[in-house]
Amino acid sequence: MRKEGVAAEESNTSPNIEVAKPPVFSRKASRVVGFITACKLFLRMKMREIAVEKKIQWVLLYVQ
């Protein structure tokens, strides 16, 4: 028998959840915090089991 908290947690980490990708970062100081937050959110929700090196490569795709 499952507990409600466990079921809710599993449903929140489903791979079917849509998470916005970060905007392309163009070195504007006013956008740093938002960019980092968006990257962290995406990595935690969609790339949990991926190696750190792959995560870094993914983030760098969004840096100009």
PDB file of N, CA and C in Angstrom:
ATOM      1  N   MET A   1       0.839  -1.184   0.000  1.00  0.00           N
ATOM      2  CA  MET A   1       0.000   0.000   0.000  1.00  0.00           C
ATOM      3  C   MET A   1       0.882   1.245   0.000  1.00  0.00           C
ATOM      4  N   ARG A   2       0.597   2.181  -0.877  1.00  0.00           N
ATOM      5  CA  ARG A   2       1.391   3.405  -0.985  1.00  0.00           C
ATOM      6  C   ARG A   2       0.881   4.488  -0.051  1.00  0.00           C
ATOM      7  N   LYS A   3       1.804   5.316   0.365  1.00  0.00           N
ATOM      8  CA  LYS A   3       1.432   6.496   1.130  1.00  0.00           C
ATOM      9  C   LYS A   3       1.135   7.603   0.135  1.00  0.00           C
ATOM     10  N   GLU A   4       0.303   8.556   0.515  1.00  0.00           N
ATOM     11  CA  GLU A   4      -0.057   9.647  -0.387  1.00  0.00           C
ATOM     12  C   GLU A   4       1.156  10.471  -0.792  1.00  0.00           C
ATOM     13  N   GLY A   5       2.054  10.751   0.139  1.00  0.00           N
ATOM     14  CA  GLY A   5       3.238  11.556  -0.160  1.00  0.00           C
ATOM     15  C   GLY A   5       4.134  10.904  -1.190  1.00  0.00           C
ATOM     16  N   VAL A   6       4.271   9.592  -1.121  1.00  0.00           N
ATOM     17  CA  VAL A   6       5.108   8.866  -2.077  1.00  0.00           C
ATOM     18  C   VAL A   6       4.491   8.929  -3.458  1.00  0.00           C
ATOM     19  N   ALA A   7       3.183   8.725  -3.546  1.00  0.00           N
ATOM     20  CA  ALA A   7       2.498   8.773  -4.839  1.00  0.00           C
ATOM     21  C   ALA A   7       2.610  10.163  -5.450  1.00  0.00           C
ATOM     22  N   ALA A   8       2.460  11.198  -4.636  1.00  0.00           N
ATOM     23  CA  ALA A   8       2.562  12.562  -5.142  1.00  0.00           C
ATOM     24  C   ALA A   8       3.974  12.845  -5.618  1.00  0.00           C
ATOM     25  N   GLU A   9       4.970  12.359  -4.882  1.00  0.00           N
ATOM     26  CA  GLU A   9       6.360  12.591  -5.275  1.00  0.00           C
ATOM     27  C   GLU A   9       6.669  11.894  -6.591  1.00  0.00           C
ATOM     28  N   GLU A  10       6.223  10.672  -6.756  1.00  0.00           N
ATOM     29  CA  GLU A  10       6.475   9.941  -7.995  1.00  0.00           C
ATOM     30  C   GLU A  10       5.790  10.606  -9.170  1.00  0.00           C
ATOM     31  N   SER A  11       4.591  11.129  -8.983  1.00  0.00           N
ATOM     32  CA  SER A  11       3.896  11.772 -10.090  1.00  0.00           C
ATOM     33  C   SER A  11       4.574  13.080 -10.468  1.00  0.00           C
ATOM     34  N   ASN A  12       5.244  13.751  -9.522  1.00  0.00           N
ATOM     35  CA  ASN A  12       5.940  15.000  -9.811  1.00  0.00           C
ATOM     36  C   ASN A  12       7.235  14.785 -10.568  1.00  0.00           C
ATOM     37  N   THR A  13       7.793  13.587 -10.532  1.00  0.00           N
ATOM     38  CA  THR A  13       9.058  13.346 -11.207  1.00  0.00           C
ATOM     39  C   THR A  13       8.872  12.541 -12.485  1.00  0.00           C
ATOM     40  N   SER A  14       7.675  12.468 -12.951  1.00  0.00           N
ATOM     41  CA  SER A  14       7.379  11.724 -14.173  1.00  0.00           C
ATOM     42  C   SER A  14       8.097  12.344 -15.367  1.00  0.00           C
ATOM     43  N   PRO A  15       8.622  11.538 -16.272  1.00  0.00           N
ATOM     44  CA  PRO A  15       9.293  12.090 -17.447  1.00  0.00           C
ATOM     45  C   PRO A  15       8.332  12.803 -18.385  1.00  0.00           C
ATOM     46  N   ASN A  16       7.037  12.683 -18.158  1.00  0.00           N
ATOM     47  CA  ASN A  16       6.054  13.328 -19.015  1.00  0.00           C
ATOM     48  C   ASN A  16       5.779  14.775 -18.642  1.00  0.00           C
ATOM     49  N   ILE A  17       6.366  15.257 -17.568  1.00  0.00           N
ATOM     50  CA  ILE A  17       6.157  16.637 -17.141  1.00  0.00           C
ATOM     51  C   ILE A  17       6.874  17.563 -18.113  1.00  0.00           C
ATOM     52  N   GLU A  18       6.177  18.595 -18.532  1.00  0.00           N
ATOM     53  CA  GLU A  18       6.773  19.586 -19.425  1.00  0.00           C
ATOM     54  C   GLU A  18       7.539  20.610 -18.585  1.00  0.00           C
ATOM     55  N   VAL A  19       8.782  20.812 -18.905  1.00  0.00           N
ATOM     56  CA  VAL A  19       9.607  21.797 -18.216  1.00  0.00           C
ATOM     57  C   VAL A  19      10.207  22.698 -19.284  1.00  0.00           C
ATOM     58  N   ALA A  20      10.065  24.000 -19.094  1.00  0.00           N
ATOM     59  CA  ALA A  20      10.597  24.945 -20.073  1.00  0.00           C
ATOM     60  C   ALA A  20      12.113  24.885 -20.101  1.00  0.00           C
ATOM     61  N   LYS A  21      12.666  24.907 -21.295  1.00  0.00           N
ATOM     62  CA  LYS A  21      14.120  24.984 -21.430  1.00  0.00           C
ATOM     63  C   LYS A  21      14.532  26.422 -21.159  1.00  0.00           C
ATOM     64  N   PRO A  22      15.760  26.613 -20.692  1.00  0.00           N
ATOM     65  CA  PRO A  22      16.185  27.984 -20.373  1.00  0.00           C
ATOM     66  C   PRO A  22      16.311  28.820 -21.644  1.00  0.00           C
ATOM     67  N   PRO A  23      16.144  30.130 -21.496  1.00  0.00           N
ATOM     68  CA  PRO A  23      16.381  31.004 -22.650  1.00  0.00           C
ATOM     69  C   PRO A  23      17.874  31.011 -22.954  1.00  0.00           C
ATOM     70  N   VAL A  24      18.229  31.322 -24.178  1.00  0.00           N
ATOM     71  CA  VAL A  24      19.649  31.416 -24.531  1.00  0.00           C
ATOM     72  C   VAL A  24      20.250  32.569 -23.745  1.00  0.00           C
ATOM     73  N   PHE A  25      21.361  32.312 -23.081  1.00  0.00           N
ATOM     74  CA  PHE A  25      22.009  33.315 -22.237  1.00  0.00           C
ATOM     75  C   PHE A  25      22.994  34.116 -23.070  1.00  0.00           C
ATOM     76  N   SER A  26      22.829  35.427 -23.055  1.00  0.00           N
ATOM     77  CA  SER A  26      23.688  36.281 -23.879  1.00  0.00           C
ATOM     78  C   SER A  26      24.548  37.229 -23.048  1.00  0.00           C
ATOM     79  N   ARG A  27      24.949  36.801 -21.861  1.00  0.00           N
ATOM     80  CA  ARG A  27      25.879  37.513 -20.982  1.00  0.00           C
ATOM     81  C   ARG A  27      25.336  38.794 -20.371  1.00  0.00           C
ATOM     82  N   LYS A  28      24.036  38.983 -20.335  1.00  0.00           N
ATOM     83  CA  LYS A  28      23.470  40.161 -19.677  1.00  0.00           C
ATOM     84  C   LYS A  28      23.386  39.869 -18.182  1.00  0.00           C
ATOM     85  N   ALA A  29      23.980  40.742 -17.381  1.00  0.00           N
ATOM     86  CA  ALA A  29      24.039  40.530 -15.937  1.00  0.00           C
ATOM     87  C   ALA A  29      22.643  40.413 -15.317  1.00  0.00           C
ATOM     88  N   SER A  30      21.685  41.118 -15.857  1.00  0.00           N
ATOM     89  CA  SER A  30      20.334  41.101 -15.296  1.00  0.00           C
ATOM     90  C   SER A  30      19.622  39.769 -15.517  1.00  0.00           C
ATOM     91  N   ARG A  31      20.153  38.925 -16.384  1.00  0.00           N
ATOM     92  CA  ARG A  31      19.510  37.648 -16.714  1.00  0.00           C
ATOM     93  C   ARG A  31      20.198  36.429 -16.092  1.00  0.00           C
ATOM     94  N   VAL A  32      21.280  36.619 -15.356  1.00  0.00           N
ATOM     95  CA  VAL A  32      22.065  35.507 -14.812  1.00  0.00           C
ATOM     96  C   VAL A  32      21.240  34.633 -13.870  1.00  0.00           C
ATOM     97  N   VAL A  33      20.577  35.237 -12.904  1.00  0.00           N
ATOM     98  CA  VAL A  33      19.837  34.474 -11.896  1.00  0.00           C
ATOM     99  C   VAL A  33      18.721  33.659 -12.550  1.00  0.00           C
ATOM    100  N   GLY A  34      17.982  34.261 -13.465  1.00  0.00           N
ATOM    101  CA  GLY A  34      16.907  33.556 -14.147  1.00  0.00           C
ATOM    102  C   GLY A  34      17.419  32.398 -14.978  1.00  0.00           C
ATOM    103  N   PHE A  35      18.547  32.601 -15.652  1.00  0.00           N
ATOM    104  CA  PHE A  35      19.145  31.550 -16.472  1.00  0.00           C
ATOM    105  C   PHE A  35      19.583  30.369 -15.607  1.00  0.00           C
ATOM    106  N   ILE A  36      20.263  30.659 -14.513  1.00  0.00           N
ATOM    107  CA  ILE A  36      20.736  29.593 -13.616  1.00  0.00           C
ATOM    108  C   ILE A  36      19.554  28.838 -13.017  1.00  0.00           C
ATOM    109  N   THR A  37      18.522  29.562 -12.608  1.00  0.00           N
ATOM    110  CA  THR A  37      17.337  28.928 -12.034  1.00  0.00           C
ATOM    111  C   THR A  37      16.658  28.021 -13.051  1.00  0.00           C
ATOM    112  N   ALA A  38      16.502  28.486 -14.277  1.00  0.00           N
ATOM    113  CA  ALA A  38      15.867  27.685 -15.328  1.00  0.00           C
ATOM    114  C   ALA A  38      16.684  26.430 -15.618  1.00  0.00           C
ATOM    115  N   CYS A  39      18.003  26.558 -15.656  1.00  0.00           N
ATOM    116  CA  CYS A  39      18.868  25.397 -15.896  1.00  0.00           C
ATOM    117  C   CYS A  39      18.748  24.391 -14.759  1.00  0.00           C
ATOM    118  N   LYS A  40      18.802  24.859 -13.530  1.00  0.00           N
ATOM    119  CA  LYS A  40      18.694  23.958 -12.378  1.00  0.00           C
ATOM    120  C   LYS A  40      17.368  23.205 -12.393  1.00  0.00           C
ATOM    121  N   LEU A  41      16.294  23.921 -12.669  1.00  0.00           N
ATOM    122  CA  LEU A  41      14.976  23.291 -12.706  1.00  0.00           C
ATOM    123  C   LEU A  41      14.922  22.199 -13.766  1.00  0.00           C
ATOM    124  N   PHE A  42      15.390  22.515 -14.964  1.00  0.00           N
ATOM    125  CA  PHE A  42      15.353  21.532 -16.042  1.00  0.00           C
ATOM    126  C   PHE A  42      16.221  20.323 -15.707  1.00  0.00           C
ATOM    127  N   LEU A  43      17.423  20.561 -15.210  1.00  0.00           N
ATOM    128  CA  LEU A  43      18.326  19.462 -14.876  1.00  0.00           C
ATOM    129  C   LEU A  43      17.743  18.562 -13.790  1.00  0.00           C
ATOM    130  N   ARG A  44      17.120  19.149 -12.795  1.00  0.00           N
ATOM    131  CA  ARG A  44      16.537  18.351 -11.709  1.00  0.00           C
ATOM    132  C   ARG A  44      15.317  17.563 -12.161  1.00  0.00           C
ATOM    133  N   MET A  45      14.546  18.127 -13.068  1.00  0.00           N
ATOM    134  CA  MET A  45      13.309  17.467 -13.483  1.00  0.00           C
ATOM    135  C   MET A  45      13.521  16.473 -14.626  1.00  0.00           C
ATOM    136  N   LYS A  46      14.420  16.769 -15.541  1.00  0.00           N
ATOM    137  CA  LYS A  46      14.529  15.965 -16.754  1.00  0.00           C
ATOM    138  C   LYS A  46      15.827  15.189 -16.905  1.00  0.00           C
ATOM    139  N   MET A  47      16.864  15.562 -16.169  1.00  0.00           N
ATOM    140  CA  MET A  47      18.168  14.951 -16.397  1.00  0.00           C
ATOM    141  C   MET A  47      18.772  14.409 -15.105  1.00  0.00           C
ATOM    142  N   ARG A  48      17.959  13.841 -14.259  1.00  0.00           N
ATOM    143  CA  ARG A  48      18.419  13.352 -12.955  1.00  0.00           C
ATOM    144  C   ARG A  48      19.488  12.280 -13.057  1.00  0.00           C
ATOM    145  N   GLU A  49      19.347  11.364 -13.961  1.00  0.00           N
ATOM    146  CA  GLU A  49      20.236  10.199 -14.043  1.00  0.00           C
ATOM    147  C   GLU A  49      21.396  10.396 -15.037  1.00  0.00           C
ATOM    148  N   ILE A  50      21.542  11.581 -15.567  1.00  0.00           N
ATOM    149  CA  ILE A  50      22.571  11.867 -16.570  1.00  0.00           C
ATOM    150  C   ILE A  50      23.877  12.256 -15.878  1.00  0.00           C
ATOM    151  N   ALA A  51      24.992  11.877 -16.472  1.00  0.00           N
ATOM    152  CA  ALA A  51      26.313  12.204 -15.920  1.00  0.00           C
ATOM    153  C   ALA A  51      26.533  13.718 -15.902  1.00  0.00           C
ATOM    154  N   VAL A  52      27.321  14.174 -14.943  1.00  0.00           N
ATOM    155  CA  VAL A  52      27.592  15.600 -14.765  1.00  0.00           C
ATOM    156  C   VAL A  52      28.174  16.214 -16.037  1.00  0.00           C
ATOM    157  N   GLU A  53      29.062  15.510 -16.699  1.00  0.00           N
ATOM    158  CA  GLU A  53      29.686  16.035 -17.912  1.00  0.00           C
ATOM    159  C   GLU A  53      28.639  16.328 -18.990  1.00  0.00           C
ATOM    160  N   LYS A  54      27.668  15.450 -19.124  1.00  0.00           N
ATOM    161  CA  LYS A  54      26.595  15.647 -20.110  1.00  0.00           C
ATOM    162  C   LYS A  54      25.715  16.831 -19.723  1.00  0.00           C
ATOM    163  N   LYS A  55      25.490  17.016 -18.423  1.00  0.00           N
ATOM    164  CA  LYS A  55      24.695  18.154 -17.958  1.00  0.00           C
ATOM    165  C   LYS A  55      25.399  19.464 -18.279  1.00  0.00           C
ATOM    166  N   ILE A  56      26.707  19.495 -18.071  1.00  0.00           N
ATOM    167  CA  ILE A  56      27.489  20.698 -18.368  1.00  0.00           C
ATOM    168  C   ILE A  56      27.424  21.003 -19.859  1.00  0.00           C
ATOM    169  N   GLN A  57      27.575  19.992 -20.689  1.00  0.00           N
ATOM    170  CA  GLN A  57      27.481  20.188 -22.135  1.00  0.00           C
ATOM    171  C   GLN A  57      26.110  20.730 -22.517  1.00  0.00           C
ATOM    172  N   TRP A  58      25.058  20.215 -21.892  1.00  0.00           N
ATOM    173  CA  TRP A  58      23.711  20.662 -22.191  1.00  0.00           C
ATOM    174  C   TRP A  58      23.548  22.146 -21.836  1.00  0.00           C
ATOM    175  N   VAL A  59      24.018  22.552 -20.655  1.00  0.00           N
ATOM    176  CA  VAL A  59      23.915  23.960 -20.238  1.00  0.00           C
ATOM    177  C   VAL A  59      24.680  24.856 -21.210  1.00  0.00           C
ATOM    178  N   LEU A  60      25.848  24.418 -21.622  1.00  0.00           N
ATOM    179  CA  LEU A  60      26.665  25.234 -22.525  1.00  0.00           C
ATOM    180  C   LEU A  60      26.011  25.448 -23.887  1.00  0.00           C
ATOM    181  N   LEU A  61      25.093  24.587 -24.267  1.00  0.00           N
ATOM    182  CA  LEU A  61      24.351  24.779 -25.511  1.00  0.00           C
ATOM    183  C   LEU A  61      23.521  26.060 -25.487  1.00  0.00           C
ATOM    184  N   TYR A  62      23.186  26.506 -24.282  1.00  0.00           N
ATOM    185  CA  TYR A  62      22.338  27.690 -24.130  1.00  0.00           C
ATOM    186  C   TYR A  62      23.122  28.965 -23.814  1.00  0.00           C
ATOM    187  N   VAL A  63      24.436  28.900 -23.902  1.00  0.00           N
ATOM    188  CA  VAL A  63      25.281  30.073 -23.638  1.00  0.00           C
ATOM    189  C   VAL A  63      25.876  30.550 -24.948  1.00  0.00           C
ATOM    190  N   GLN A  64      25.706  31.831 -25.225  1.00  0.00           N
ATOM    191  CA  GLN A  64      26.286  32.400 -26.452  1.00  0.00           C
ATOM    192  C   GLN A  64      27.592  33.087 -26.141  1.00  0.00           C
TER     193      GLN A  64
END
